[in-house]
Amino acid sequence: MNTPEQAATSHRAVVVICNCPDAAVADRLAAGLVEAGLAACVNRLAPVRSTYRWEGRIETAEEVPLMAKTTLAAYPALQDWLAEHHPYELPEIIALPIAAGLPAYLDWLDAGVTL
């Protein structure tokens, strides 16, 4: 049986974080990613307050984060899909590697990405 670390390495799973302007956009993007087979699961998190520099000014906005679980192989297509469907001019789309995980969950994640 694989250890959680071995399972994560064999699956090359990633978590993708993307902030959205509101819950409606977040729900639309989450459903689209799963329907397209680009993510096995997408969590819509509670609203957060983001502070950032944009066009030389410090801005603050309430945003709704998404956390999508996918494979490293599917990430380029997921990134392209999000960039095309996201309303922001420059959306935050970042991927973090999953270092370890329950092997059965990672198998499910891998099977759920049908790209």
PDB file of N, CA and C in Angstrom:
ATOM      1  N   MET A   1       0.853  -1.180   0.000  1.00  0.00           N
ATOM      2  CA  MET A   1       0.000   0.000   0.000  1.00  0.00           C
ATOM      3  C   MET A   1       0.896   1.239   0.000  1.00  0.00           C
ATOM      4  N   ASN A   2       0.510   2.221  -0.794  1.00  0.00           N
ATOM      5  CA  ASN A   2       1.257   3.483  -0.861  1.00  0.00           C
ATOM      6  C   ASN A   2       1.044   4.311   0.397  1.00  0.00           C
ATOM      7  N   THR A   3       2.090   5.034   0.783  1.00  0.00           N
ATOM      8  CA  THR A   3       1.931   6.035   1.836  1.00  0.00           C
ATOM      9  C   THR A   3       1.201   7.228   1.227  1.00  0.00           C
ATOM     10  N   PRO A   4       0.634   8.125   2.046  1.00  0.00           N
ATOM     11  CA  PRO A   4      -0.002   9.324   1.484  1.00  0.00           C
ATOM     12  C   PRO A   4       0.950  10.133   0.607  1.00  0.00           C
ATOM     13  N   GLU A   5       2.225  10.190   0.995  1.00  0.00           N
ATOM     14  CA  GLU A   5       3.201  10.951   0.202  1.00  0.00           C
ATOM     15  C   GLU A   5       3.424  10.300  -1.159  1.00  0.00           C
ATOM     16  N   GLN A   6       3.527   8.959  -1.190  1.00  0.00           N
ATOM     17  CA  GLN A   6       3.706   8.255  -2.459  1.00  0.00           C
ATOM     18  C   GLN A   6       2.474   8.422  -3.346  1.00  0.00           C
ATOM     19  N   ALA A   7       1.290   8.375  -2.745  1.00  0.00           N
ATOM     20  CA  ALA A   7       0.064   8.541  -3.519  1.00  0.00           C
ATOM     21  C   ALA A   7       0.006   9.927  -4.142  1.00  0.00           C
ATOM     22  N   ALA A   8       0.360  10.947  -3.383  1.00  0.00           N
ATOM     23  CA  ALA A   8       0.332  12.316  -3.913  1.00  0.00           C
ATOM     24  C   ALA A   8       1.312  12.469  -5.059  1.00  0.00           C
ATOM     25  N   THR A   9       2.495  11.867  -4.929  1.00  0.00           N
ATOM     26  CA  THR A   9       3.497  11.969  -5.983  1.00  0.00           C
ATOM     27  C   THR A   9       3.033  11.259  -7.242  1.00  0.00           C
ATOM     28  N   SER A  10       2.410  10.092  -7.092  1.00  0.00           N
ATOM     29  CA  SER A  10       1.982   9.348  -8.273  1.00  0.00           C
ATOM     30  C   SER A  10       0.826  10.042  -8.984  1.00  0.00           C
ATOM     31  N   HIS A  11      -0.008  10.756  -8.255  1.00  0.00           N
ATOM     32  CA  HIS A  11      -1.155  11.440  -8.857  1.00  0.00           C
ATOM     33  C   HIS A  11      -0.809  12.836  -9.353  1.00  0.00           C
ATOM     34  N   ARG A  12       0.190  13.447  -8.768  1.00  0.00           N
ATOM     35  CA  ARG A  12       0.561  14.818  -9.124  1.00  0.00           C
ATOM     36  C   ARG A  12      -0.658  15.739  -9.030  1.00  0.00           C
ATOM     37  N   ALA A  13      -1.319  15.697  -7.894  1.00  0.00           N
ATOM     38  CA  ALA A  13      -2.511  16.508  -7.663  1.00  0.00           C
ATOM     39  C   ALA A  13      -2.118  17.912  -7.224  1.00  0.00           C
ATOM     40  N   VAL A  14      -2.969  18.882  -7.566  1.00  0.00           N
ATOM     41  CA  VAL A  14      -2.753  20.270  -7.175  1.00  0.00           C
ATOM     42  C   VAL A  14      -4.062  20.876  -6.687  1.00  0.00           C
ATOM     43  N   VAL A  15      -3.927  21.906  -5.856  1.00  0.00           N
ATOM     44  CA  VAL A  15      -5.055  22.734  -5.436  1.00  0.00           C
ATOM     45  C   VAL A  15      -4.899  24.067  -6.153  1.00  0.00           C
ATOM     46  N   VAL A  16      -5.950  24.503  -6.820  1.00  0.00           N
ATOM     47  CA  VAL A  16      -5.932  25.775  -7.547  1.00  0.00           C
ATOM     48  C   VAL A  16      -6.782  26.770  -6.773  1.00  0.00           C
ATOM     49  N   ILE A  17      -6.214  27.936  -6.525  1.00  0.00           N
ATOM     50  CA  ILE A  17      -6.918  29.002  -5.813  1.00  0.00           C
ATOM     51  C   ILE A  17      -7.244  30.112  -6.800  1.00  0.00           C
ATOM     52  N   CYS A  18      -8.485  30.574  -6.732  1.00  0.00           N
ATOM     53  CA  CYS A  18      -8.937  31.640  -7.629  1.00  0.00           C
ATOM     54  C   CYS A  18      -9.979  32.474  -6.891  1.00  0.00           C
ATOM     55  N   ASN A  19      -9.737  33.770  -6.753  1.00  0.00           N
ATOM     56  CA  ASN A  19     -10.705  34.657  -6.113  1.00  0.00           C
ATOM     57  C   ASN A  19     -11.692  35.190  -7.139  1.00  0.00           C
ATOM     58  N   CYS A  20     -12.945  35.334  -6.706  1.00  0.00           N
ATOM     59  CA  CYS A  20     -14.033  35.796  -7.572  1.00  0.00           C
ATOM     60  C   CYS A  20     -14.680  37.042  -6.962  1.00  0.00           C
ATOM     61  N   PRO A  21     -15.333  37.866  -7.796  1.00  0.00           N
ATOM     62  CA  PRO A  21     -15.919  39.099  -7.276  1.00  0.00           C
ATOM     63  C   PRO A  21     -17.151  38.890  -6.397  1.00  0.00           C
ATOM     64  N   ASP A  22     -17.862  37.763  -6.575  1.00  0.00           N
ATOM     65  CA  ASP A  22     -19.056  37.515  -5.769  1.00  0.00           C
ATOM     66  C   ASP A  22     -19.423  36.035  -5.830  1.00  0.00           C
ATOM     67  N   ALA A  23     -20.421  35.650  -5.025  1.00  0.00           N
ATOM     68  CA  ALA A  23     -20.820  34.248  -4.922  1.00  0.00           C
ATOM     69  C   ALA A  23     -21.401  33.713  -6.227  1.00  0.00           C
ATOM     70  N   ALA A  24     -22.149  34.528  -6.951  1.00  0.00           N
ATOM     71  CA  ALA A  24     -22.753  34.063  -8.201  1.00  0.00           C
ATOM     72  C   ALA A  24     -21.682  33.683  -9.218  1.00  0.00           C
ATOM     73  N   VAL A  25     -20.665  34.515  -9.357  1.00  0.00           N
ATOM     74  CA  VAL A  25     -19.562  34.205 -10.275  1.00  0.00           C
ATOM     75  C   VAL A  25     -18.822  32.966  -9.787  1.00  0.00           C
ATOM     76  N   ALA A  26     -18.568  32.886  -8.486  1.00  0.00           N
ATOM     77  CA  ALA A  26     -17.867  31.729  -7.929  1.00  0.00           C
ATOM     78  C   ALA A  26     -18.637  30.442  -8.199  1.00  0.00           C
ATOM     79  N   ASP A  27     -19.946  30.461  -7.989  1.00  0.00           N
ATOM     80  CA  ASP A  27     -20.763  29.270  -8.240  1.00  0.00           C
ATOM     81  C   ASP A  27     -20.741  28.885  -9.717  1.00  0.00           C
ATOM     82  N   ARG A  28     -20.830  29.869 -10.600  1.00  0.00           N
ATOM     83  CA  ARG A  28     -20.815  29.601 -12.042  1.00  0.00           C
ATOM     84  C   ARG A  28     -19.486  28.984 -12.465  1.00  0.00           C
ATOM     85  N   LEU A  29     -18.385  29.545 -11.980  1.00  0.00           N
ATOM     86  CA  LEU A  29     -17.070  29.021 -12.341  1.00  0.00           C
ATOM     87  C   LEU A  29     -16.848  27.631 -11.750  1.00  0.00           C
ATOM     88  N   ALA A  30     -17.252  27.423 -10.505  1.00  0.00           N
ATOM     89  CA  ALA A  30     -17.083  26.115  -9.868  1.00  0.00           C
ATOM     90  C   ALA A  30     -17.831  25.035 -10.643  1.00  0.00           C
ATOM     91  N   ALA A  31     -19.089  25.306 -10.967  1.00  0.00           N
ATOM     92  CA  ALA A  31     -19.877  24.329 -11.719  1.00  0.00           C
ATOM     93  C   ALA A  31     -19.267  24.072 -13.092  1.00  0.00           C
ATOM     94  N   GLY A  32     -18.807  25.120 -13.749  1.00  0.00           N
ATOM     95  CA  GLY A  32     -18.210  24.967 -15.070  1.00  0.00           C
ATOM     96  C   GLY A  32     -16.960  24.111 -15.053  1.00  0.00           C
ATOM     97  N   LEU A  33     -16.120  24.286 -14.038  1.00  0.00           N
ATOM     98  CA  LEU A  33     -14.890  23.491 -13.940  1.00  0.00           C
ATOM     99  C   LEU A  33     -15.192  22.012 -13.750  1.00  0.00           C
ATOM    100  N   VAL A  34     -16.165  21.702 -12.893  1.00  0.00           N
ATOM    101  CA  VAL A  34     -16.514  20.302 -12.653  1.00  0.00           C
ATOM    102  C   VAL A  34     -17.220  19.718 -13.878  1.00  0.00           C
ATOM    103  N   GLU A  35     -18.157  20.465 -14.471  1.00  0.00           N
ATOM    104  CA  GLU A  35     -18.862  19.981 -15.661  1.00  0.00           C
ATOM    105  C   GLU A  35     -17.908  19.710 -16.815  1.00  0.00           C
ATOM    106  N   ALA A  36     -16.868  20.531 -16.956  1.00  0.00           N
ATOM    107  CA  ALA A  36     -15.899  20.361 -18.041  1.00  0.00           C
ATOM    108  C   ALA A  36     -14.883  19.257 -17.750  1.00  0.00           C
ATOM    109  N   GLY A  37     -14.936  18.668 -16.563  1.00  0.00           N
ATOM    110  CA  GLY A  37     -13.988  17.626 -16.203  1.00  0.00           C
ATOM    111  C   GLY A  37     -12.603  18.141 -15.872  1.00  0.00           C
ATOM    112  N   LEU A  38     -12.504  19.444 -15.606  1.00  0.00           N
ATOM    113  CA  LEU A  38     -11.208  20.059 -15.312  1.00  0.00           C
ATOM    114  C   LEU A  38     -10.836  19.987 -13.838  1.00  0.00           C
ATOM    115  N   ALA A  39     -11.817  19.764 -12.985  1.00  0.00           N
ATOM    116  CA  ALA A  39     -11.584  19.636 -11.544  1.00  0.00           C
ATOM    117  C   ALA A  39     -12.503  18.551 -11.005  1.00  0.00           C
ATOM    118  N   ALA A  40     -12.009  17.797 -10.037  1.00  0.00           N
ATOM    119  CA  ALA A  40     -12.831  16.770  -9.403  1.00  0.00           C
ATOM    120  C   ALA A  40     -13.786  17.390  -8.394  1.00  0.00           C
ATOM    121  N   CYS A  41     -13.356  18.473  -7.771  1.00  0.00           N
ATOM    122  CA  CYS A  41     -14.133  19.130  -6.726  1.00  0.00           C
ATOM    123  C   CYS A  41     -13.694  20.581  -6.642  1.00  0.00           C
ATOM    124  N   VAL A  42     -14.653  21.470  -6.413  1.00  0.00           N
ATOM    125  CA  VAL A  42     -14.337  22.882  -6.196  1.00  0.00           C
ATOM    126  C   VAL A  42     -15.090  23.339  -4.953  1.00  0.00           C
ATOM    127  N   ASN A  43     -14.365  23.887  -4.000  1.00  0.00           N
ATOM    128  CA  ASN A  43     -14.975  24.451  -2.799  1.00  0.00           C
ATOM    129  C   ASN A  43     -15.107  25.956  -2.957  1.00  0.00           C
ATOM    130  N   ARG A  44     -16.301  26.469  -2.639  1.00  0.00           N
ATOM    131  CA  ARG A  44     -16.485  27.920  -2.542  1.00  0.00           C
ATOM    132  C   ARG A  44     -16.333  28.271  -1.078  1.00  0.00           C
ATOM    133  N   LEU A  45     -15.370  29.103  -0.795  1.00  0.00           N
ATOM    134  CA  LEU A  45     -15.079  29.472   0.584  1.00  0.00           C
ATOM    135  C   LEU A  45     -15.844  30.733   0.979  1.00  0.00           C
ATOM    136  N   ALA A  46     -15.835  31.023   2.262  1.00  0.00           N
ATOM    137  CA  ALA A  46     -16.491  32.228   2.771  1.00  0.00           C
ATOM    138  C   ALA A  46     -15.796  33.468   2.209  1.00  0.00           C
ATOM    139  N   PRO A  47     -16.537  34.548   2.041  1.00  0.00           N
ATOM    140  CA  PRO A  47     -15.925  35.776   1.511  1.00  0.00           C
ATOM    141  C   PRO A  47     -14.732  36.232   2.354  1.00  0.00           C
ATOM    142  N   VAL A  48     -13.767  36.812   1.661  1.00  0.00           N
ATOM    143  CA  VAL A  48     -12.563  37.353   2.302  1.00  0.00           C
ATOM    144  C   VAL A  48     -12.396  38.800   1.871  1.00  0.00           C
ATOM    145  N   ARG A  49     -11.600  39.529   2.606  1.00  0.00           N
ATOM    146  CA  ARG A  49     -11.266  40.899   2.235  1.00  0.00           C
ATOM    147  C   ARG A  49      -9.852  40.878   1.704  1.00  0.00           C
ATOM    148  N   SER A  50      -9.690  41.288   0.449  1.00  0.00           N
ATOM    149  CA  SER A  50      -8.383  41.304  -0.209  1.00  0.00           C
ATOM    150  C   SER A  50      -7.880  42.734  -0.321  1.00  0.00           C
ATOM    151  N   THR A  51      -6.599  42.924  -0.055  1.00  0.00           N
ATOM    152  CA  THR A  51      -5.934  44.214  -0.231  1.00  0.00           C
ATOM    153  C   THR A  51      -4.786  43.991  -1.197  1.00  0.00           C
ATOM    154  N   TYR A  52      -4.712  44.832  -2.230  1.00  0.00           N
ATOM    155  CA  TYR A  52      -3.739  44.620  -3.298  1.00  0.00           C
ATOM    156  C   TYR A  52      -3.450  45.938  -4.001  1.00  0.00           C
ATOM    157  N   ARG A  53      -2.375  45.946  -4.753  1.00  0.00           N
ATOM    158  CA  ARG A  53      -2.041  47.118  -5.555  1.00  0.00           C
ATOM    159  C   ARG A  53      -2.520  46.859  -6.987  1.00  0.00           C
ATOM    160  N   TRP A  54      -3.286  47.798  -7.539  1.00  0.00           N
ATOM    161  CA  TRP A  54      -3.786  47.677  -8.908  1.00  0.00           C
ATOM    162  C   TRP A  54      -3.666  49.031  -9.587  1.00  0.00           C
ATOM    163  N   GLU A  55      -2.951  49.043 -10.688  1.00  0.00           N
ATOM    164  CA  GLU A  55      -2.743  50.258 -11.477  1.00  0.00           C
ATOM    165  C   GLU A  55      -2.249  51.414 -10.603  1.00  0.00           C
ATOM    166  N   GLY A  56      -1.283  51.087  -9.725  1.00  0.00           N
ATOM    167  CA  GLY A  56      -0.635  52.107  -8.912  1.00  0.00           C
ATOM    168  C   GLY A  56      -1.364  52.515  -7.649  1.00  0.00           C
ATOM    169  N   ARG A  57      -2.543  51.956  -7.414  1.00  0.00           N
ATOM    170  CA  ARG A  57      -3.314  52.320  -6.222  1.00  0.00           C
ATOM    171  C   ARG A  57      -3.517  51.103  -5.334  1.00  0.00           C
ATOM    172  N   ILE A  58      -3.592  51.345  -4.035  1.00  0.00           N
ATOM    173  CA  ILE A  58      -3.929  50.261  -3.118  1.00  0.00           C
ATOM    174  C   ILE A  58      -5.447  50.146  -3.074  1.00  0.00           C
ATOM    175  N   GLU A  59      -5.933  48.952  -3.364  1.00  0.00           N
ATOM    176  CA  GLU A  59      -7.369  48.670  -3.420  1.00  0.00           C
ATOM    177  C   GLU A  59      -7.725  47.647  -2.346  1.00  0.00           C
ATOM    178  N   THR A  60      -8.970  47.669  -1.929  1.00  0.00           N
ATOM    179  CA  THR A  60      -9.513  46.663  -1.019  1.00  0.00           C
ATOM    180  C   THR A  60     -10.858  46.234  -1.573  1.00  0.00           C
ATOM    181  N   ALA A  61     -11.093  44.921  -1.582  1.00  0.00           N
ATOM    182  CA  ALA A  61     -12.350  44.407  -2.118  1.00  0.00           C
ATOM    183  C   ALA A  61     -12.739  43.131  -1.389  1.00  0.00           C
ATOM    184  N   GLU A  62     -14.043  42.893  -1.296  1.00  0.00           N
ATOM    185  CA  GLU A  62     -14.514  41.608  -0.804  1.00  0.00           C
ATOM    186  C   GLU A  62     -14.523  40.651  -1.985  1.00  0.00           C
ATOM    187  N   GLU A  63     -13.972  39.457  -1.778  1.00  0.00           N
ATOM    188  CA  GLU A  63     -13.917  38.452  -2.835  1.00  0.00           C
ATOM    189  C   GLU A  63     -14.337  37.100  -2.268  1.00  0.00           C
ATOM    190  N   VAL A  64     -14.709  36.201  -3.168  1.00  0.00           N
ATOM    191  CA  VAL A  64     -15.112  34.849  -2.797  1.00  0.00           C
ATOM    192  C   VAL A  64     -14.091  33.880  -3.386  1.00  0.00           C
ATOM    193  N   PRO A  65     -13.304  33.217  -2.535  1.00  0.00           N
ATOM    194  CA  PRO A  65     -12.284  32.302  -3.042  1.00  0.00           C
ATOM    195  C   PRO A  65     -12.864  30.958  -3.478  1.00  0.00           C
ATOM    196  N   LEU A  66     -12.261  30.413  -4.517  1.00  0.00           N
ATOM    197  CA  LEU A  66     -12.514  29.039  -4.935  1.00  0.00           C
ATOM    198  C   LEU A  66     -11.252  28.231  -4.688  1.00  0.00           C
ATOM    199  N   MET A  67     -11.441  26.975  -4.303  1.00  0.00           N
ATOM    200  CA  MET A  67     -10.331  26.052  -4.118  1.00  0.00           C
ATOM    201  C   MET A  67     -10.677  24.796  -4.921  1.00  0.00           C
ATOM    202  N   ALA A  68     -10.004  24.624  -6.056  1.00  0.00           N
ATOM    203  CA  ALA A  68     -10.290  23.509  -6.961  1.00  0.00           C
ATOM    204  C   ALA A  68      -9.216  22.441  -6.833  1.00  0.00           C
ATOM    205  N   LYS A  69      -9.643  21.184  -6.790  1.00  0.00           N
ATOM    206  CA  LYS A  69      -8.702  20.072  -6.766  1.00  0.00           C
ATOM    207  C   LYS A  69      -8.664  19.439  -8.149  1.00  0.00           C
ATOM    208  N   THR A  70      -7.443  19.330  -8.693  1.00  0.00           N
ATOM    209  CA  THR A  70      -7.266  18.798 -10.038  1.00  0.00           C
ATOM    210  C   THR A  70      -5.917  18.100 -10.132  1.00  0.00           C
ATOM    211  N   THR A  71      -5.574  17.659 -11.329  1.00  0.00           N
ATOM    212  CA  THR A  71      -4.275  17.031 -11.554  1.00  0.00           C
ATOM    213  C   THR A  71      -3.338  18.037 -12.208  1.00  0.00           C
ATOM    214  N   LEU A  72      -2.064  17.795 -12.038  1.00  0.00           N
ATOM    215  CA  LEU A  72      -1.076  18.661 -12.673  1.00  0.00           C
ATOM    216  C   LEU A  72      -1.225  18.621 -14.190  1.00  0.00           C
ATOM    217  N   ALA A  73      -1.559  17.468 -14.736  1.00  0.00           N
ATOM    218  CA  ALA A  73      -1.733  17.339 -16.186  1.00  0.00           C
ATOM    219  C   ALA A  73      -2.898  18.185 -16.694  1.00  0.00           C
ATOM    220  N   ALA A  74      -3.954  18.326 -15.890  1.00  0.00           N
ATOM    221  CA  ALA A  74      -5.127  19.095 -16.308  1.00  0.00           C
ATOM    222  C   ALA A  74      -4.980  20.583 -16.027  1.00  0.00           C
ATOM    223  N   TYR A  75      -3.979  20.964 -15.231  1.00  0.00           N
ATOM    224  CA  TYR A  75      -3.864  22.365 -14.832  1.00  0.00           C
ATOM    225  C   TYR A  75      -3.804  23.342 -16.008  1.00  0.00           C
ATOM    226  N   PRO A  76      -3.009  23.119 -17.054  1.00  0.00           N
ATOM    227  CA  PRO A  76      -2.975  24.112 -18.143  1.00  0.00           C
ATOM    228  C   PRO A  76      -4.355  24.371 -18.758  1.00  0.00           C
ATOM    229  N   ALA A  77      -5.139  23.319 -18.963  1.00  0.00           N
ATOM    230  CA  ALA A  77      -6.479  23.499 -19.532  1.00  0.00           C
ATOM    231  C   ALA A  77      -7.395  24.206 -18.539  1.00  0.00           C
ATOM    232  N   LEU A  78      -7.282  23.871 -17.258  1.00  0.00           N
ATOM    233  CA  LEU A  78      -8.076  24.545 -16.233  1.00  0.00           C
ATOM    234  C   LEU A  78      -7.722  26.028 -16.184  1.00  0.00           C
ATOM    235  N   GLN A  79      -6.443  26.334 -16.215  1.00  0.00           N
ATOM    236  CA  GLN A  79      -5.998  27.732 -16.197  1.00  0.00           C
ATOM    237  C   GLN A  79      -6.562  28.496 -17.391  1.00  0.00           C
ATOM    238  N   ASP A  80      -6.482  27.908 -18.574  1.00  0.00           N
ATOM    239  CA  ASP A  80      -7.008  28.566 -19.775  1.00  0.00           C
ATOM    240  C   ASP A  80      -8.513  28.785 -19.666  1.00  0.00           C
ATOM    241  N   TRP A  81      -9.241  27.770 -19.177  1.00  0.00           N
ATOM    242  CA  TRP A  81     -10.691  27.879 -19.048  1.00  0.00           C
ATOM    243  C   TRP A  81     -11.055  28.989 -18.067  1.00  0.00           C
ATOM    244  N   LEU A  82     -10.385  28.996 -16.901  1.00  0.00           N
ATOM    245  CA  LEU A  82     -10.674  30.037 -15.906  1.00  0.00           C
ATOM    246  C   LEU A  82     -10.366  31.427 -16.448  1.00  0.00           C
ATOM    247  N   ALA A  83      -9.227  31.580 -17.090  1.00  0.00           N
ATOM    248  CA  ALA A  83      -8.848  32.894 -17.628  1.00  0.00           C
ATOM    249  C   ALA A  83      -9.875  33.377 -18.649  1.00  0.00           C
ATOM    250  N   GLU A  84     -10.428  32.458 -19.431  1.00  0.00           N
ATOM    251  CA  GLU A  84     -11.415  32.825 -20.455  1.00  0.00           C
ATOM    252  C   GLU A  84     -12.771  33.186 -19.855  1.00  0.00           C
ATOM    253  N   HIS A  85     -13.170  32.502 -18.783  1.00  0.00           N
ATOM    254  CA  HIS A  85     -14.512  32.684 -18.227  1.00  0.00           C
ATOM    255  C   HIS A  85     -14.580  33.627 -17.026  1.00  0.00           C
ATOM    256  N   HIS A  86     -13.438  34.033 -16.499  1.00  0.00           N
ATOM    257  CA  HIS A  86     -13.407  34.889 -15.313  1.00  0.00           C
ATOM    258  C   HIS A  86     -13.637  36.345 -15.713  1.00  0.00           C
ATOM    259  N   PRO A  87     -14.415  37.102 -14.931  1.00  0.00           N
ATOM    260  CA  PRO A  87     -14.682  38.495 -15.297  1.00  0.00           C
ATOM    261  C   PRO A  87     -13.523  39.456 -15.036  1.00  0.00           C
ATOM    262  N   TYR A  88     -12.560  39.077 -14.197  1.00  0.00           N
ATOM    263  CA  TYR A  88     -11.443  39.979 -13.919  1.00  0.00           C
ATOM    264  C   TYR A  88     -10.506  40.072 -15.123  1.00  0.00           C
ATOM    265  N   GLU A  89      -9.934  41.236 -15.314  1.00  0.00           N
ATOM    266  CA  GLU A  89      -8.923  41.438 -16.352  1.00  0.00           C
ATOM    267  C   GLU A  89      -7.693  40.570 -16.083  1.00  0.00           C
ATOM    268  N   LEU A  90      -7.314  40.466 -14.812  1.00  0.00           N
ATOM    269  CA  LEU A  90      -6.156  39.668 -14.409  1.00  0.00           C
ATOM    270  C   LEU A  90      -6.542  38.837 -13.184  1.00  0.00           C
ATOM    271  N   PRO A  91      -7.176  37.679 -13.401  1.00  0.00           N
ATOM    272  CA  PRO A  91      -7.608  36.880 -12.257  1.00  0.00           C
ATOM    273  C   PRO A  91      -6.442  36.179 -11.568  1.00  0.00           C
ATOM    274  N   GLU A  92      -6.581  36.026 -10.267  1.00  0.00           N
ATOM    275  CA  GLU A  92      -5.624  35.210  -9.515  1.00  0.00           C
ATOM    276  C   GLU A  92      -5.927  33.753  -9.831  1.00  0.00           C
ATOM    277  N   ILE A  93      -4.995  33.081 -10.459  1.00  0.00           N
ATOM    278  CA  ILE A  93      -5.107  31.647 -10.727  1.00  0.00           C
ATOM    279  C   ILE A  93      -3.747  31.058 -10.367  1.00  0.00           C
ATOM    280  N   ILE A  94      -3.682  30.407  -9.209  1.00  0.00           N
ATOM    281  CA  ILE A  94      -2.411  29.827  -8.771  1.00  0.00           C
ATOM    282  C   ILE A  94      -2.636  28.372  -8.368  1.00  0.00           C
ATOM    283  N   ALA A  95      -1.615  27.552  -8.549  1.00  0.00           N
ATOM    284  CA  ALA A  95      -1.694  26.134  -8.199  1.00  0.00           C
ATOM    285  C   ALA A  95      -0.649  25.809  -7.148  1.00  0.00           C
ATOM    286  N   LEU A  96      -1.072  25.055  -6.152  1.00  0.00           N
ATOM    287  CA  LEU A  96      -0.190  24.592  -5.087  1.00  0.00           C
ATOM    288  C   LEU A  96      -0.163  23.070  -5.121  1.00  0.00           C
ATOM    289  N   PRO A  97       1.010  22.460  -5.025  1.00  0.00           N
ATOM    290  CA  PRO A  97       1.069  20.995  -5.055  1.00  0.00           C
ATOM    291  C   PRO A  97       0.473  20.394  -3.787  1.00  0.00           C
ATOM    292  N   ILE A  98      -0.167  19.256  -3.946  1.00  0.00           N
ATOM    293  CA  ILE A  98      -0.647  18.487  -2.803  1.00  0.00           C
ATOM    294  C   ILE A  98       0.488  17.540  -2.428  1.00  0.00           C
ATOM    295  N   ALA A  99       1.099  17.776  -1.274  1.00  0.00           N
ATOM    296  CA  ALA A  99       2.276  17.015  -0.857  1.00  0.00           C
ATOM    297  C   ALA A  99       1.920  15.623  -0.347  1.00  0.00           C
ATOM    298  N   ALA A 100       0.742  15.473   0.223  1.00  0.00           N
ATOM    299  CA  ALA A 100       0.322  14.190   0.777  1.00  0.00           C
ATOM    300  C   ALA A 100      -1.191  14.180   0.854  1.00  0.00           C
ATOM    301  N   GLY A 101      -1.763  12.981   0.908  1.00  0.00           N
ATOM    302  CA  GLY A 101      -3.204  12.885   1.015  1.00  0.00           C
ATOM    303  C   GLY A 101      -3.652  11.449   1.172  1.00  0.00           C
ATOM    304  N   LEU A 102      -4.880  11.277   1.586  1.00  0.00           N
ATOM    305  CA  LEU A 102      -5.468   9.952   1.707  1.00  0.00           C
ATOM    306  C   LEU A 102      -5.444   9.296   0.329  1.00  0.00           C
ATOM    307  N   PRO A 103      -4.783   8.158   0.178  1.00  0.00           N
ATOM    308  CA  PRO A 103      -4.663   7.555  -1.149  1.00  0.00           C
ATOM    309  C   PRO A 103      -6.000   7.340  -1.859  1.00  0.00           C
ATOM    310  N   ALA A 104      -7.019   6.896  -1.136  1.00  0.00           N
ATOM    311  CA  ALA A 104      -8.321   6.677  -1.773  1.00  0.00           C
ATOM    312  C   ALA A 104      -8.918   7.990  -2.281  1.00  0.00           C
ATOM    313  N   TYR A 105      -8.727   9.083  -1.531  1.00  0.00           N
ATOM    314  CA  TYR A 105      -9.221  10.387  -1.995  1.00  0.00           C
ATOM    315  C   TYR A 105      -8.476  10.823  -3.249  1.00  0.00           C
ATOM    316  N   LEU A 106      -7.168  10.635  -3.262  1.00  0.00           N
ATOM    317  CA  LEU A 106      -6.391  11.032  -4.439  1.00  0.00           C
ATOM    318  C   LEU A 106      -6.759  10.188  -5.655  1.00  0.00           C
ATOM    319  N   ASP A 107      -7.096   8.904  -5.448  1.00  0.00           N
ATOM    320  CA  ASP A 107      -7.595   8.070  -6.554  1.00  0.00           C
ATOM    321  C   ASP A 107      -8.905   8.646  -7.081  1.00  0.00           C
ATOM    322  N   TRP A 108      -9.802   9.043  -6.152  1.00  0.00           N
ATOM    323  CA  TRP A 108     -11.086   9.632  -6.541  1.00  0.00           C
ATOM    324  C   TRP A 108     -10.864  10.927  -7.310  1.00  0.00           C
ATOM    325  N   LEU A 109      -9.954  11.766  -6.822  1.00  0.00           N
ATOM    326  CA  LEU A 109      -9.642  13.031  -7.488  1.00  0.00           C
ATOM    327  C   LEU A 109      -9.161  12.765  -8.912  1.00  0.00           C
ATOM    328  N   ASP A 110      -8.241  11.828  -9.046  1.00  0.00           N
ATOM    329  CA  ASP A 110      -7.690  11.492 -10.358  1.00  0.00           C
ATOM    330  C   ASP A 110      -8.790  11.017 -11.307  1.00  0.00           C
ATOM    331  N   ALA A 111      -9.688  10.174 -10.813  1.00  0.00           N
ATOM    332  CA  ALA A 111     -10.780   9.661 -11.645  1.00  0.00           C
ATOM    333  C   ALA A 111     -11.792  10.746 -11.982  1.00  0.00           C
ATOM    334  N   GLY A 112     -11.924  11.747 -11.118  1.00  0.00           N
ATOM    335  CA  GLY A 112     -12.901  12.811 -11.335  1.00  0.00           C
ATOM    336  C   GLY A 112     -12.477  13.856 -12.338  1.00  0.00           C
ATOM    337  N   VAL A 113     -11.199  13.900 -12.664  1.00  0.00           N
ATOM    338  CA  VAL A 113     -10.706  14.827 -13.688  1.00  0.00           C
ATOM    339  C   VAL A 113     -10.739  14.066 -15.001  1.00  0.00           C
ATOM    340  N   THR A 114     -11.723  14.386 -15.827  1.00  0.00           N
ATOM    341  CA  THR A 114     -11.989  13.586 -17.029  1.00  0.00           C
ATOM    342  C   THR A 114     -11.543  14.249 -18.309  1.00  0.00           C
ATOM    343  N   LEU A 115     -10.745  15.269 -18.192  1.00  0.00           N
ATOM    344  CA  LEU A 115     -10.243  16.023 -19.341  1.00  0.00           C
ATOM    345  C   LEU A 115      -9.644  15.109 -20.375  1.00  0.00           C
TER     346      LEU A 115
END
